[in-house]
């Protein structure tokens, strides 16, 4: 199923309900509440925007899986999918960022798992251990890559559009997170990282690193 609509379909219920309630209240003489609801619908249109992106085609390039700010880059032990040492790149998304998640590289979705039960602020380090999160293991020509969608104190719904066995291109959409969150990327140690903490990135466009063999 294609997910290239200008507004992600998950946003339409928020938009329609807000506008319907605004029209209903306006008919009964309310003035300010309809304005607030129209503003809420406008924000939902903005939040669920789904822009097109031009992604590099180099299979060794690892692209940002989300818009946001790079919060952390460090070497860690990744036990769930890569099962070894990896480079972890954490990207924090605020409510004004595009919240569509994109494939960091061309490859096959090999493993998906949901875990966690908390909703701590997404910028806290503990969030990656305790918050509700969705793991996406990707087998790529350059090696195993893991993407993790993580909820936050406001973002409490993870949406994943793909299944194990699906083959996608780098930069292709695979899901979204509702209302502020964090996305993590785990890469092989051979990756030449091209970003630094504090840098803003664009999903499907910014090159996070290049995997050298």
N, C-alpha and C. Protein backbone atom coordinates (compact mmCIF):
# COMPACT_ATOMS: atom_id res chain seq x y z
N UNK A 1 0.84 -1.20 0.00
CA UNK A 1 0.00 0.00 0.00
C UNK A 1 0.87 1.25 0.00
N UNK A 2 0.57 2.19 -0.90
CA UNK A 2 1.36 3.40 -1.00
C UNK A 2 1.07 4.34 0.17
N UNK A 3 2.09 5.05 0.60
CA UNK A 3 1.94 6.03 1.70
C UNK A 3 2.57 7.35 1.28
N UNK A 4 2.26 7.78 0.07
CA UNK A 4 2.86 9.01 -0.45
C UNK A 4 1.88 10.18 -0.49
N UNK A 5 0.76 10.08 0.26
CA UNK A 5 -0.19 11.19 0.31
C UNK A 5 0.46 12.42 0.96
N UNK A 6 0.00 13.60 0.59
CA UNK A 6 0.55 14.83 1.14
C UNK A 6 0.32 14.92 2.64
N UNK A 7 -0.82 14.39 3.12
CA UNK A 7 -1.12 14.29 4.54
C UNK A 7 -1.24 12.81 4.87
N UNK A 8 -0.48 12.33 5.85
CA UNK A 8 -0.56 10.93 6.24
C UNK A 8 -1.98 10.59 6.66
N UNK A 9 -2.46 9.44 6.21
CA UNK A 9 -3.86 9.08 6.45
C UNK A 9 -4.19 8.97 7.93
N UNK A 10 -3.18 8.69 8.77
CA UNK A 10 -3.43 8.61 10.21
C UNK A 10 -3.85 9.95 10.81
N UNK A 11 -3.62 11.04 10.09
CA UNK A 11 -3.97 12.35 10.60
C UNK A 11 -5.39 12.79 10.31
N UNK A 12 -6.02 12.14 9.31
CA UNK A 12 -7.35 12.60 8.91
C UNK A 12 -8.41 12.50 10.00
N UNK A 13 -8.44 11.47 10.86
CA UNK A 13 -9.44 11.46 11.94
C UNK A 13 -9.35 12.68 12.83
N UNK A 14 -8.14 13.12 13.17
CA UNK A 14 -7.97 14.31 14.01
C UNK A 14 -8.50 15.55 13.28
N UNK A 15 -8.23 15.63 11.99
CA UNK A 15 -8.66 16.79 11.20
C UNK A 15 -10.17 16.84 11.07
N UNK A 16 -10.78 15.71 10.67
CA UNK A 16 -12.23 15.68 10.45
C UNK A 16 -13.01 15.89 11.74
N UNK A 17 -12.58 15.24 12.82
CA UNK A 17 -13.30 15.38 14.09
C UNK A 17 -13.23 16.80 14.60
N UNK A 18 -12.06 17.44 14.49
CA UNK A 18 -11.93 18.83 14.95
C UNK A 18 -12.82 19.77 14.15
N UNK A 19 -12.83 19.60 12.83
CA UNK A 19 -13.64 20.47 11.98
C UNK A 19 -15.13 20.21 12.18
N UNK A 20 -15.51 18.95 12.36
CA UNK A 20 -16.93 18.62 12.57
C UNK A 20 -17.43 19.21 13.88
N UNK A 21 -16.63 19.10 14.94
CA UNK A 21 -17.01 19.68 16.22
C UNK A 21 -17.08 21.20 16.14
N UNK A 22 -16.16 21.80 15.39
CA UNK A 22 -16.16 23.25 15.23
C UNK A 22 -17.44 23.71 14.54
N UNK A 23 -17.84 23.01 13.48
CA UNK A 23 -19.07 23.37 12.76
C UNK A 23 -20.29 23.18 13.65
N UNK A 24 -20.31 22.08 14.42
CA UNK A 24 -21.44 21.80 15.31
C UNK A 24 -21.59 22.89 16.37
N UNK A 25 -20.48 23.25 17.01
CA UNK A 25 -20.53 24.27 18.06
C UNK A 25 -20.86 25.65 17.51
N UNK A 26 -20.38 25.93 16.31
CA UNK A 26 -20.67 27.23 15.68
C UNK A 26 -22.17 27.37 15.41
N UNK A 27 -22.80 26.28 15.00
CA UNK A 27 -24.24 26.30 14.73
C UNK A 27 -25.06 26.58 15.99
N UNK A 28 -24.49 26.27 17.15
CA UNK A 28 -25.20 26.49 18.41
C UNK A 28 -24.74 27.78 19.10
N UNK A 29 -24.07 28.65 18.36
CA UNK A 29 -23.77 29.96 18.87
C UNK A 29 -22.44 30.14 19.58
N UNK A 30 -21.66 29.09 19.67
CA UNK A 30 -20.34 29.23 20.30
C UNK A 30 -19.40 29.98 19.36
N UNK A 31 -18.52 30.78 19.92
CA UNK A 31 -17.62 31.58 19.10
C UNK A 31 -16.15 31.16 19.23
N UNK A 32 -15.67 31.08 20.47
CA UNK A 32 -14.24 30.82 20.65
C UNK A 32 -13.87 29.35 20.52
N UNK A 33 -14.74 28.46 20.99
CA UNK A 33 -14.41 27.04 20.89
C UNK A 33 -14.24 26.58 19.44
N UNK A 34 -15.10 27.00 18.51
CA UNK A 34 -14.87 26.61 17.10
C UNK A 34 -13.53 27.10 16.56
N UNK A 35 -13.11 28.30 16.99
CA UNK A 35 -11.82 28.84 16.53
C UNK A 35 -10.68 27.95 17.03
N UNK A 36 -10.77 27.55 18.30
CA UNK A 36 -9.74 26.68 18.86
C UNK A 36 -9.69 25.35 18.11
N UNK A 37 -10.85 24.80 17.80
CA UNK A 37 -10.90 23.52 17.09
C UNK A 37 -10.38 23.63 15.66
N UNK A 38 -10.64 24.75 15.02
CA UNK A 38 -10.10 24.96 13.67
C UNK A 38 -8.58 25.07 13.73
N UNK A 39 -8.07 25.75 14.76
CA UNK A 39 -6.61 25.83 14.94
C UNK A 39 -6.02 24.44 15.19
N UNK A 40 -6.74 23.62 15.96
CA UNK A 40 -6.29 22.25 16.22
C UNK A 40 -6.25 21.44 14.93
N UNK A 41 -7.26 21.62 14.08
CA UNK A 41 -7.28 20.92 12.78
C UNK A 41 -6.12 21.39 11.91
N UNK A 42 -5.85 22.69 11.95
CA UNK A 42 -4.73 23.23 11.16
C UNK A 42 -3.40 22.66 11.64
N UNK A 43 -3.25 22.55 12.96
CA UNK A 43 -2.02 21.96 13.48
C UNK A 43 -1.89 20.50 13.08
N UNK A 44 -3.01 19.76 13.07
CA UNK A 44 -2.99 18.36 12.67
C UNK A 44 -2.55 18.22 11.21
N UNK A 45 -3.01 19.13 10.37
CA UNK A 45 -2.59 19.11 8.96
C UNK A 45 -1.08 19.33 8.88
N UNK A 46 -0.59 20.29 9.68
CA UNK A 46 0.84 20.58 9.70
C UNK A 46 1.64 19.40 10.25
N UNK A 47 1.17 18.82 11.35
CA UNK A 47 1.92 17.74 12.00
C UNK A 47 2.00 16.50 11.13
N UNK A 48 0.92 16.15 10.46
CA UNK A 48 0.87 14.91 9.67
C UNK A 48 1.28 15.13 8.22
N UNK A 49 1.95 16.24 7.93
CA UNK A 49 2.41 16.47 6.56
C UNK A 49 3.40 15.37 6.16
N UNK A 50 3.39 15.05 4.89
CA UNK A 50 4.17 13.92 4.40
C UNK A 50 4.90 14.32 3.12
N UNK A 51 5.92 15.15 3.23
CA UNK A 51 6.57 15.71 2.04
C UNK A 51 7.36 14.68 1.25
N UNK A 52 7.52 14.95 -0.03
CA UNK A 52 8.37 14.11 -0.87
C UNK A 52 9.82 14.48 -0.61
N UNK A 53 10.69 13.51 -0.72
CA UNK A 53 12.11 13.73 -0.52
C UNK A 53 12.91 13.05 -1.63
N UNK A 54 14.01 13.68 -2.03
CA UNK A 54 14.93 13.10 -3.01
C UNK A 54 16.07 12.43 -2.24
N UNK A 55 16.14 11.10 -2.32
CA UNK A 55 17.13 10.35 -1.54
C UNK A 55 18.30 9.91 -2.41
N UNK A 56 19.54 10.02 -1.92
CA UNK A 56 20.70 9.50 -2.64
C UNK A 56 20.54 8.00 -2.88
N UNK A 57 21.11 7.51 -3.97
CA UNK A 57 20.92 6.10 -4.34
C UNK A 57 22.12 5.22 -4.00
N UNK A 58 23.18 5.78 -3.44
CA UNK A 58 24.36 5.00 -3.10
C UNK A 58 24.01 3.98 -2.00
N UNK A 59 24.16 2.66 -2.25
CA UNK A 59 23.77 1.65 -1.27
C UNK A 59 24.62 1.66 -0.01
N UNK A 60 25.79 2.30 -0.05
CA UNK A 60 26.65 2.38 1.12
C UNK A 60 26.34 3.57 2.01
N UNK A 61 25.50 4.47 1.53
CA UNK A 61 25.11 5.63 2.32
C UNK A 61 23.97 5.26 3.28
N UNK A 62 24.09 5.71 4.52
CA UNK A 62 23.02 5.54 5.49
C UNK A 62 22.33 6.88 5.68
N UNK A 63 21.03 6.93 5.43
CA UNK A 63 20.28 8.17 5.49
C UNK A 63 19.57 8.32 6.83
N UNK A 64 19.26 9.54 7.17
CA UNK A 64 18.51 9.80 8.41
C UNK A 64 17.13 9.14 8.30
N UNK A 65 16.72 8.36 9.31
CA UNK A 65 15.39 7.74 9.28
C UNK A 65 14.28 8.68 9.71
N UNK A 66 14.65 9.90 10.16
CA UNK A 66 13.65 10.86 10.62
C UNK A 66 14.22 12.26 10.60
N UNK A 67 13.33 13.25 10.58
CA UNK A 67 13.72 14.64 10.77
C UNK A 67 14.01 14.85 12.26
N UNK A 68 14.83 15.83 12.58
CA UNK A 68 15.07 16.15 13.98
C UNK A 68 16.49 16.59 14.25
N UNK A 69 16.90 16.49 15.50
CA UNK A 69 18.24 16.89 15.93
C UNK A 69 19.00 15.67 16.46
N UNK A 70 20.24 15.54 16.03
CA UNK A 70 21.10 14.46 16.53
C UNK A 70 21.45 14.76 17.99
N UNK A 71 21.04 13.85 18.88
CA UNK A 71 21.27 14.05 20.31
C UNK A 71 22.51 13.32 20.82
N UNK A 72 22.82 12.18 20.19
CA UNK A 72 23.90 11.36 20.74
C UNK A 72 24.47 10.46 19.65
N UNK A 73 25.79 10.29 19.68
CA UNK A 73 26.48 9.33 18.81
C UNK A 73 27.50 8.61 19.68
N UNK A 74 27.35 7.29 19.81
CA UNK A 74 28.32 6.56 20.63
C UNK A 74 28.34 5.08 20.27
N UNK A 75 29.38 4.42 20.66
CA UNK A 75 29.52 2.99 20.42
C UNK A 75 28.85 2.22 21.56
N UNK A 76 28.03 1.24 21.20
CA UNK A 76 27.29 0.47 22.21
C UNK A 76 27.30 -1.01 21.83
N UNK A 77 26.83 -1.82 22.76
CA UNK A 77 26.60 -3.24 22.50
C UNK A 77 25.12 -3.40 22.16
N UNK A 78 24.83 -3.83 20.94
CA UNK A 78 23.44 -3.99 20.50
C UNK A 78 23.14 -5.49 20.48
N UNK A 79 22.27 -5.94 21.40
CA UNK A 79 22.06 -7.37 21.60
C UNK A 79 20.83 -7.94 20.90
N UNK A 80 19.92 -7.08 20.45
CA UNK A 80 18.65 -7.58 19.95
C UNK A 80 18.69 -8.04 18.49
N UNK A 81 19.41 -7.33 17.64
CA UNK A 81 19.41 -7.67 16.22
C UNK A 81 20.82 -7.79 15.64
N UNK A 82 21.61 -6.74 15.82
CA UNK A 82 22.99 -6.78 15.31
C UNK A 82 23.83 -7.76 16.11
N UNK A 83 23.52 -7.87 17.42
CA UNK A 83 24.17 -8.81 18.33
C UNK A 83 25.70 -8.61 18.34
N UNK A 84 26.08 -7.40 18.63
CA UNK A 84 27.49 -7.07 18.70
C UNK A 84 27.67 -5.58 18.86
N UNK A 85 28.89 -5.12 18.73
CA UNK A 85 29.19 -3.70 18.82
C UNK A 85 28.58 -2.94 17.63
N UNK A 86 28.06 -1.77 17.92
CA UNK A 86 27.43 -0.95 16.88
C UNK A 86 27.57 0.52 17.24
N UNK A 87 27.37 1.38 16.26
CA UNK A 87 27.34 2.83 16.49
C UNK A 87 25.89 3.26 16.60
N UNK A 88 25.56 3.88 17.72
CA UNK A 88 24.20 4.34 17.97
C UNK A 88 24.09 5.83 17.68
N UNK A 89 23.10 6.19 16.86
CA UNK A 89 22.81 7.59 16.56
C UNK A 89 21.37 7.87 16.99
N UNK A 90 21.18 8.79 17.94
CA UNK A 90 19.85 9.14 18.44
C UNK A 90 19.39 10.45 17.84
N UNK A 91 18.17 10.47 17.32
CA UNK A 91 17.59 11.67 16.71
C UNK A 91 16.32 12.03 17.47
N UNK A 92 16.28 13.24 18.02
CA UNK A 92 15.10 13.70 18.75
C UNK A 92 14.21 14.52 17.84
N UNK A 93 12.91 14.22 17.85
CA UNK A 93 11.92 14.95 17.05
C UNK A 93 11.05 15.77 17.99
N UNK A 94 10.93 17.07 17.73
CA UNK A 94 9.95 17.86 18.48
C UNK A 94 8.64 17.88 17.70
N UNK A 95 7.61 18.51 18.25
CA UNK A 95 6.29 18.44 17.63
C UNK A 95 6.21 19.20 16.30
N UNK A 96 7.24 20.00 15.99
CA UNK A 96 7.22 20.76 14.74
C UNK A 96 7.95 20.04 13.61
N UNK A 97 8.64 18.94 13.91
CA UNK A 97 9.33 18.18 12.87
C UNK A 97 8.36 17.31 12.09
N UNK A 98 8.74 16.97 10.85
CA UNK A 98 8.01 15.95 10.10
C UNK A 98 8.18 14.63 10.85
N UNK A 99 7.10 13.90 11.07
CA UNK A 99 7.16 12.69 11.88
C UNK A 99 7.08 11.39 11.08
N UNK A 100 7.28 11.48 9.78
CA UNK A 100 7.35 10.28 8.95
C UNK A 100 8.72 9.63 9.12
N UNK A 101 8.73 8.32 9.30
CA UNK A 101 9.99 7.57 9.38
C UNK A 101 10.32 6.96 8.02
N UNK A 102 11.62 6.98 7.67
CA UNK A 102 12.06 6.51 6.35
C UNK A 102 13.19 5.49 6.48
N UNK A 103 13.26 4.62 5.48
CA UNK A 103 14.32 3.61 5.45
C UNK A 103 15.69 4.29 5.37
N UNK A 104 16.64 3.89 6.21
CA UNK A 104 17.97 4.50 6.16
C UNK A 104 18.80 4.01 4.98
N UNK A 105 18.41 2.88 4.39
CA UNK A 105 19.15 2.31 3.26
C UNK A 105 18.27 1.31 2.54
N UNK A 106 18.64 0.96 1.34
CA UNK A 106 17.92 -0.07 0.60
C UNK A 106 18.18 -1.42 1.26
N UNK A 107 17.12 -2.19 1.47
CA UNK A 107 17.31 -3.49 2.11
C UNK A 107 15.99 -4.20 2.35
N UNK A 108 16.09 -5.33 3.01
CA UNK A 108 14.92 -6.13 3.33
C UNK A 108 14.64 -6.09 4.82
N UNK A 109 13.38 -5.83 5.17
CA UNK A 109 12.98 -5.86 6.58
C UNK A 109 13.03 -7.31 7.04
N UNK A 110 13.89 -7.57 8.00
CA UNK A 110 14.13 -8.95 8.43
C UNK A 110 13.48 -9.27 9.77
N UNK A 111 13.29 -8.24 10.59
CA UNK A 111 12.83 -8.48 11.97
C UNK A 111 12.13 -7.24 12.50
N UNK A 112 10.96 -7.45 13.12
CA UNK A 112 10.20 -6.37 13.75
C UNK A 112 9.75 -6.84 15.13
N UNK A 113 9.91 -5.98 16.12
CA UNK A 113 9.46 -6.33 17.47
C UNK A 113 9.10 -5.08 18.24
N UNK A 114 7.97 -5.14 18.98
CA UNK A 114 7.57 -4.05 19.87
C UNK A 114 7.92 -4.43 21.30
N UNK A 115 8.29 -3.42 22.09
CA UNK A 115 8.72 -3.67 23.47
C UNK A 115 8.47 -2.42 24.30
N UNK A 116 8.61 -2.53 25.62
CA UNK A 116 8.51 -1.38 26.51
C UNK A 116 7.11 -1.10 26.99
N UNK A 117 7.01 -0.30 28.08
CA UNK A 117 5.70 0.03 28.64
C UNK A 117 5.64 1.41 29.28
N UNK A 118 6.68 2.23 29.10
CA UNK A 118 6.71 3.55 29.72
C UNK A 118 6.61 4.65 28.67
N UNK A 119 6.38 5.89 29.16
CA UNK A 119 6.28 7.05 28.27
C UNK A 119 7.06 8.22 28.86
N UNK A 120 8.35 8.00 29.07
CA UNK A 120 9.22 9.06 29.58
C UNK A 120 9.48 10.08 28.47
N UNK A 121 9.90 11.31 28.82
CA UNK A 121 10.27 12.27 27.78
C UNK A 121 11.30 11.65 26.83
N UNK A 122 11.09 11.80 25.52
CA UNK A 122 11.91 11.09 24.53
C UNK A 122 13.37 11.50 24.55
N UNK A 123 13.68 12.71 25.06
CA UNK A 123 15.08 13.15 25.05
C UNK A 123 15.89 12.55 26.19
N UNK A 124 15.25 11.85 27.13
CA UNK A 124 15.99 11.23 28.23
C UNK A 124 16.61 9.91 27.78
N UNK A 125 17.82 9.61 28.28
CA UNK A 125 18.51 8.39 27.89
C UNK A 125 17.73 7.15 28.30
N UNK A 126 16.98 7.22 29.41
CA UNK A 126 16.22 6.07 29.88
C UNK A 126 15.10 5.68 28.93
N UNK A 127 14.69 6.62 28.08
CA UNK A 127 13.57 6.35 27.17
C UNK A 127 13.87 5.19 26.24
N UNK A 128 15.10 5.07 25.78
CA UNK A 128 15.45 4.02 24.84
C UNK A 128 15.43 2.64 25.49
N UNK A 129 15.40 2.59 26.83
CA UNK A 129 15.37 1.32 27.54
C UNK A 129 13.98 0.94 28.04
N UNK A 130 13.15 1.95 28.36
CA UNK A 130 11.89 1.66 29.03
C UNK A 130 10.65 2.07 28.24
N UNK A 131 10.75 3.06 27.36
CA UNK A 131 9.56 3.52 26.65
C UNK A 131 9.06 2.48 25.65
N UNK A 132 7.78 2.60 25.29
CA UNK A 132 7.23 1.76 24.22
C UNK A 132 8.00 2.07 22.95
N UNK A 133 8.49 1.05 22.27
CA UNK A 133 9.32 1.25 21.09
C UNK A 133 9.12 0.11 20.09
N UNK A 134 9.47 0.38 18.86
CA UNK A 134 9.34 -0.59 17.79
C UNK A 134 10.68 -0.77 17.09
N UNK A 135 11.17 -1.99 17.07
CA UNK A 135 12.45 -2.31 16.45
C UNK A 135 12.23 -2.78 15.01
N UNK A 136 13.07 -2.27 14.12
CA UNK A 136 13.00 -2.64 12.71
C UNK A 136 14.40 -3.08 12.26
N UNK A 137 14.61 -4.38 12.12
CA UNK A 137 15.89 -4.91 11.70
C UNK A 137 15.95 -5.02 10.18
N UNK A 138 16.99 -4.42 9.59
CA UNK A 138 17.10 -4.35 8.13
C UNK A 138 18.37 -5.05 7.67
N UNK A 139 18.20 -5.99 6.75
CA UNK A 139 19.33 -6.64 6.11
C UNK A 139 19.63 -5.89 4.82
N UNK A 140 20.78 -5.22 4.77
CA UNK A 140 21.13 -4.41 3.62
C UNK A 140 22.41 -4.93 2.98
N UNK A 141 22.71 -4.53 1.74
CA UNK A 141 23.95 -4.95 1.10
C UNK A 141 25.19 -4.55 1.90
N UNK A 142 25.05 -3.51 2.74
CA UNK A 142 26.19 -3.02 3.53
C UNK A 142 26.25 -3.64 4.92
N UNK A 143 25.30 -4.49 5.25
CA UNK A 143 25.29 -5.12 6.56
C UNK A 143 23.98 -4.92 7.30
N UNK A 144 23.92 -5.39 8.54
CA UNK A 144 22.71 -5.27 9.36
C UNK A 144 22.59 -3.85 9.93
N UNK A 145 21.37 -3.30 9.84
CA UNK A 145 21.08 -1.97 10.38
C UNK A 145 19.79 -2.07 11.19
N UNK A 146 19.76 -1.41 12.33
CA UNK A 146 18.59 -1.43 13.20
C UNK A 146 18.05 -0.01 13.37
N UNK A 147 16.74 0.14 13.17
CA UNK A 147 16.06 1.41 13.42
C UNK A 147 15.06 1.19 14.55
N UNK A 148 15.00 2.13 15.49
CA UNK A 148 14.07 2.00 16.61
C UNK A 148 13.19 3.24 16.69
N UNK A 149 11.88 3.03 16.61
CA UNK A 149 10.91 4.10 16.84
C UNK A 149 10.59 4.12 18.33
N UNK A 150 10.68 5.28 18.97
CA UNK A 150 10.49 5.37 20.41
C UNK A 150 9.43 6.42 20.74
N UNK A 151 8.49 6.07 21.59
CA UNK A 151 7.47 7.01 22.02
C UNK A 151 8.06 8.01 23.01
N UNK A 152 7.26 9.03 23.36
CA UNK A 152 7.67 10.02 24.34
C UNK A 152 6.55 10.27 25.32
N UNK A 153 6.67 11.35 26.07
CA UNK A 153 5.65 11.67 27.06
C UNK A 153 4.34 12.10 26.40
N UNK A 154 4.43 12.65 25.18
CA UNK A 154 3.24 13.04 24.42
C UNK A 154 2.99 12.04 23.30
N UNK A 155 4.06 11.61 22.62
CA UNK A 155 3.93 10.65 21.53
C UNK A 155 3.71 9.26 22.11
N UNK A 156 2.50 8.71 21.92
CA UNK A 156 2.17 7.42 22.53
C UNK A 156 1.66 6.42 21.51
N UNK A 157 1.90 6.70 20.25
CA UNK A 157 1.43 5.79 19.23
C UNK A 157 2.49 5.63 18.14
N UNK A 158 2.95 4.41 17.97
CA UNK A 158 3.89 4.09 16.91
C UNK A 158 3.13 3.45 15.76
N UNK A 159 3.43 3.88 14.55
CA UNK A 159 2.80 3.32 13.36
C UNK A 159 3.89 2.75 12.47
N UNK A 160 3.77 1.47 12.12
CA UNK A 160 4.72 0.82 11.23
C UNK A 160 3.95 0.20 10.07
N UNK A 161 4.28 0.59 8.86
CA UNK A 161 3.53 0.16 7.68
C UNK A 161 4.11 -1.08 7.00
N UNK A 162 5.24 -1.58 7.47
CA UNK A 162 5.91 -2.67 6.77
C UNK A 162 5.88 -3.95 7.61
N UNK A 163 6.24 -5.05 6.97
CA UNK A 163 6.26 -6.36 7.61
C UNK A 163 7.56 -7.08 7.25
N UNK A 164 7.96 -8.07 8.07
CA UNK A 164 9.15 -8.84 7.72
C UNK A 164 9.04 -9.43 6.32
N UNK A 165 10.11 -9.32 5.57
CA UNK A 165 10.11 -9.81 4.20
C UNK A 165 9.96 -8.71 3.17
N UNK A 166 9.46 -7.54 3.60
CA UNK A 166 9.28 -6.42 2.67
C UNK A 166 10.65 -5.87 2.25
N UNK A 167 10.77 -5.56 0.96
CA UNK A 167 11.99 -4.94 0.44
C UNK A 167 11.69 -3.50 0.09
N UNK A 168 12.49 -2.57 0.61
CA UNK A 168 12.27 -1.15 0.40
C UNK A 168 13.54 -0.46 -0.05
N UNK A 169 13.36 0.69 -0.68
CA UNK A 169 14.47 1.50 -1.12
C UNK A 169 14.87 2.48 -0.02
N UNK A 170 16.12 2.92 -0.05
CA UNK A 170 16.57 3.93 0.90
C UNK A 170 15.75 5.20 0.76
N UNK A 171 15.25 5.73 1.87
CA UNK A 171 14.43 6.93 1.85
C UNK A 171 12.95 6.64 1.74
N UNK A 172 12.57 5.39 1.50
CA UNK A 172 11.15 5.05 1.38
C UNK A 172 10.49 5.08 2.76
N UNK A 173 9.24 5.52 2.81
CA UNK A 173 8.52 5.66 4.07
C UNK A 173 8.18 4.28 4.65
N UNK A 174 8.35 4.13 5.98
CA UNK A 174 7.95 2.87 6.60
C UNK A 174 7.05 3.05 7.81
N UNK A 175 6.82 4.28 8.27
CA UNK A 175 5.94 4.49 9.41
C UNK A 175 5.98 5.91 9.91
N UNK A 176 5.40 6.13 11.09
CA UNK A 176 5.42 7.45 11.71
C UNK A 176 5.22 7.31 13.21
N UNK A 177 5.53 8.39 13.94
CA UNK A 177 5.31 8.44 15.38
C UNK A 177 4.47 9.68 15.66
N UNK A 178 3.44 9.52 16.47
CA UNK A 178 2.52 10.64 16.70
C UNK A 178 2.96 11.51 17.88
N UNK A 179 3.21 12.79 17.56
CA UNK A 179 3.36 13.87 18.54
C UNK A 179 4.63 13.85 19.39
N UNK A 180 5.79 14.02 18.74
CA UNK A 180 7.04 14.20 19.47
C UNK A 180 7.66 12.89 19.90
N UNK A 181 8.93 12.66 19.62
CA UNK A 181 9.46 11.34 19.85
C UNK A 181 10.97 11.28 19.63
N UNK A 182 11.49 10.05 19.55
CA UNK A 182 12.90 9.82 19.27
C UNK A 182 13.02 8.64 18.31
N UNK A 183 13.98 8.71 17.40
CA UNK A 183 14.29 7.60 16.51
C UNK A 183 15.77 7.29 16.64
N UNK A 184 16.09 6.01 16.85
CA UNK A 184 17.48 5.59 17.00
C UNK A 184 17.91 4.76 15.81
N UNK A 185 19.20 4.85 15.52
CA UNK A 185 19.80 4.13 14.41
C UNK A 185 21.04 3.42 14.92
N UNK A 186 21.13 2.11 14.66
CA UNK A 186 22.30 1.32 15.05
C UNK A 186 23.00 0.84 13.79
N UNK A 187 24.29 1.17 13.67
CA UNK A 187 25.03 0.95 12.44
C UNK A 187 26.28 0.11 12.70
N UNK A 188 26.79 -0.56 11.65
CA UNK A 188 28.05 -1.31 11.79
C UNK A 188 29.19 -0.39 12.20
N UNK A 189 30.18 -0.94 12.89
CA UNK A 189 31.32 -0.15 13.34
C UNK A 189 32.11 0.44 12.18
N UNK A 190 31.97 -0.17 11.00
CA UNK A 190 32.71 0.32 9.83
C UNK A 190 32.10 1.59 9.23
N UNK A 191 31.06 2.12 9.85
CA UNK A 191 30.39 3.30 9.31
C UNK A 191 31.20 4.57 9.58
N UNK A 192 31.43 5.32 8.55
CA UNK A 192 32.09 6.62 8.65
C UNK A 192 31.00 7.67 8.91
N UNK A 193 30.84 8.09 10.16
CA UNK A 193 29.76 8.98 10.54
C UNK A 193 30.00 10.39 9.99
N UNK A 194 28.96 10.97 9.39
CA UNK A 194 29.05 12.28 8.74
C UNK A 194 28.28 13.39 9.48
N UNK A 195 27.70 13.07 10.62
CA UNK A 195 26.96 14.08 11.38
C UNK A 195 27.57 14.22 12.77
N UNK A 196 27.16 15.27 13.47
CA UNK A 196 27.67 15.52 14.83
C UNK A 196 26.49 15.83 15.74
N UNK A 197 26.63 15.61 17.05
CA UNK A 197 25.57 15.95 17.98
C UNK A 197 25.18 17.42 17.85
N UNK A 198 23.88 17.68 17.89
CA UNK A 198 23.36 19.03 17.75
C UNK A 198 22.97 19.37 16.33
N UNK A 199 23.39 18.57 15.37
CA UNK A 199 23.08 18.85 13.96
C UNK A 199 21.63 18.47 13.64
N UNK A 200 20.97 19.29 12.86
CA UNK A 200 19.61 18.99 12.40
C UNK A 200 19.68 18.17 11.12
N UNK A 201 18.81 17.16 11.03
CA UNK A 201 18.83 16.26 9.88
C UNK A 201 17.43 16.16 9.28
N UNK A 202 17.39 15.73 8.01
CA UNK A 202 16.12 15.54 7.30
C UNK A 202 16.01 14.08 6.88
N UNK A 203 14.89 13.45 7.25
CA UNK A 203 14.69 12.05 6.95
C UNK A 203 14.73 11.76 5.45
N UNK A 204 15.51 10.76 5.07
CA UNK A 204 15.60 10.36 3.68
C UNK A 204 16.53 11.19 2.84
N UNK A 205 17.11 12.25 3.40
CA UNK A 205 18.00 13.13 2.64
C UNK A 205 19.38 13.26 3.27
N UNK A 206 19.43 13.57 4.57
CA UNK A 206 20.72 13.78 5.22
C UNK A 206 21.48 12.45 5.33
N UNK A 207 22.74 12.48 4.93
CA UNK A 207 23.58 11.28 5.02
C UNK A 207 24.14 11.19 6.45
N UNK A 208 23.75 10.17 7.17
CA UNK A 208 24.23 9.96 8.54
C UNK A 208 25.65 9.40 8.51
N UNK A 209 25.90 8.51 7.56
CA UNK A 209 27.23 7.91 7.47
C UNK A 209 27.39 7.10 6.19
N UNK A 210 28.61 6.67 5.94
CA UNK A 210 28.92 5.82 4.81
C UNK A 210 29.59 4.56 5.33
N UNK A 211 29.03 3.41 4.98
CA UNK A 211 29.57 2.15 5.47
C UNK A 211 30.72 1.72 4.57
N UNK A 212 31.90 1.61 5.17
CA UNK A 212 33.09 1.18 4.43
C UNK A 212 33.35 -0.29 4.71
N UNK A 213 33.74 -1.03 3.69
CA UNK A 213 33.92 -2.47 3.81
C UNK A 213 35.39 -2.78 4.03
